[in-house]
Structure formats: structure tokens, C-alpha cells
């Protein structure tokens, strides 16, 4: 029925399709399953540390 995809609380849903995973599409991290999203830019940010450096030249 229409709207089913909106009521399902999961990271990935296949409706009438095979289990194809698309590169860059976030995976996991819904409710208590895991510690966050995988295979996306947000995952990369978890392993980075931002540092601002200001230099005065001259």
C-alpha cells in the first residue's frame, strides 16, 4: 500500500527489488542497531578532527 515505506523505521528498504546497495547511500544506525551510519560522508567525519590554523604572513 501507498505510504508503507514512510512507516517502516529502518535504514534500507527494498520493495519488489533485489538487495542492491548503492555506493554513498548511508547504511545502518537506526534505533539501537549499531553506532552510526556506514559507507557515507558522515562516517568519514567520525574519523576526522577539525583544526583551524591562522597564519600571519609578512
C-alpha atoms as a PDB file:
ATOM      1  CA  UNK A   1       0.000   0.000   0.000  1.00  0.00           C
ATOM      2  CA  UNK A   2       0.985   3.596  -0.526  1.00  0.00           C
ATOM      3  CA  UNK A   3       2.896   5.105   2.386  1.00  0.00           C
ATOM      4  CA  UNK A   4       4.342   1.804   3.605  1.00  0.00           C
ATOM      5  CA  UNK A   5       7.907   2.985   3.008  1.00  0.00           C
ATOM      6  CA  UNK A   6       7.248   6.006   5.249  1.00  0.00           C
ATOM      7  CA  UNK A   7       6.020   3.883   8.169  1.00  0.00           C
ATOM      8  CA  UNK A   8       8.969   1.473   8.179  1.00  0.00           C
ATOM      9  CA  UNK A   9      11.753   2.623  10.508  1.00  0.00           C
ATOM     10  CA  UNK A  10      14.857   1.089   9.009  1.00  0.00           C
ATOM     11  CA  UNK A  11      17.989   2.195   7.212  1.00  0.00           C
ATOM     12  CA  UNK A  12      17.381   0.282   3.989  1.00  0.00           C
ATOM     13  CA  UNK A  13      14.153  -0.905   2.369  1.00  0.00           C
ATOM     14  CA  UNK A  14      13.735  -2.947  -0.803  1.00  0.00           C
ATOM     15  CA  UNK A  15      10.215  -3.132  -2.210  1.00  0.00           C
ATOM     16  CA  UNK A  16       9.763  -5.503  -5.168  1.00  0.00           C
ATOM     17  CA  UNK A  17      13.502  -5.373  -5.852  1.00  0.00           C
ATOM     18  CA  UNK A  18      16.738  -7.200  -5.130  1.00  0.00           C
ATOM     19  CA  UNK A  19      19.095  -6.287  -2.322  1.00  0.00           C
ATOM     20  CA  UNK A  20      21.255  -3.888  -4.328  1.00  0.00           C
ATOM     21  CA  UNK A  21      23.376  -1.475  -2.299  1.00  0.00           C
ATOM     22  CA  UNK A  22      24.294   1.882  -3.825  1.00  0.00           C
ATOM     23  CA  UNK A  23      27.685   3.470  -3.175  1.00  0.00           C
ATOM     24  CA  UNK A  24      27.420   6.545  -0.988  1.00  0.00           C
ATOM     25  CA  UNK A  25      23.980   5.660   0.350  1.00  0.00           C
ATOM     26  CA  UNK A  26      24.029   5.660   4.177  1.00  0.00           C
ATOM     27  CA  UNK A  27      23.589   2.255   5.794  1.00  0.00           C
ATOM     28  CA  UNK A  28      22.745   1.345   9.409  1.00  0.00           C
ATOM     29  CA  UNK A  29      22.496   3.468  12.524  1.00  0.00           C
ATOM     30  CA  UNK A  30      18.741   3.175  13.025  1.00  0.00           C
ATOM     31  CA  UNK A  31      17.394   2.814  16.572  1.00  0.00           C
ATOM     32  CA  UNK A  32      19.729   0.567  18.604  1.00  0.00           C
ATOM     33  CA  UNK A  33      21.366  -1.206  15.663  1.00  0.00           C
ATOM     34  CA  UNK A  34      24.961  -0.115  15.606  1.00  0.00           C
ATOM     35  CA  UNK A  35      26.758   3.086  16.479  1.00  0.00           C
ATOM     36  CA  UNK A  36      26.032   5.222  13.435  1.00  0.00           C
ATOM     37  CA  UNK A  37      25.836   5.411   9.680  1.00  0.00           C
ATOM     38  CA  UNK A  38      28.232   3.477   7.464  1.00  0.00           C
ATOM     39  CA  UNK A  39      29.522   3.920   3.917  1.00  0.00           C
ATOM     40  CA  UNK A  40      28.783   7.641   3.647  1.00  0.00           C
ATOM     41  CA  UNK A  41      30.442  11.008   4.172  1.00  0.00           C
ATOM     42  CA  UNK A  42      29.133  11.179   7.756  1.00  0.00           C
ATOM     43  CA  UNK A  43      31.159   8.066   8.597  1.00  0.00           C
ATOM     44  CA  UNK A  44      34.326   9.699   7.292  1.00  0.00           C
ATOM     45  CA  UNK A  45      33.711  12.728   9.506  1.00  0.00           C
ATOM     46  CA  UNK A  46      33.668  10.457  12.567  1.00  0.00           C
ATOM     47  CA  UNK A  47      37.367   9.742  11.956  1.00  0.00           C
ATOM     48  CA  UNK A  48      38.455  13.338  11.432  1.00  0.00           C
ATOM     49  CA  UNK A  49      39.390  16.179  13.729  1.00  0.00           C
ATOM     50  CA  UNK A  50      38.914  19.758  12.595  1.00  0.00           C
ATOM     51  CA  UNK A  51      41.671  22.198  13.422  1.00  0.00           C
ATOM     52  CA  UNK A  52      41.747  25.841  12.391  1.00  0.00           C
ATOM     53  CA  UNK A  53      45.183  27.388  11.931  1.00  0.00           C
ATOM     54  CA  UNK A  54      45.613  31.121  11.361  1.00  0.00           C
ATOM     55  CA  UNK A  55      48.922  32.333   9.971  1.00  0.00           C
ATOM     56  CA  UNK A  56      50.080  35.898   9.506  1.00  0.00           C
ATOM     57  CA  UNK A  57      52.497  36.400   6.638  1.00  0.00           C
ATOM     58  CA  UNK A  58      54.636  39.486   6.206  1.00  0.00           C
END
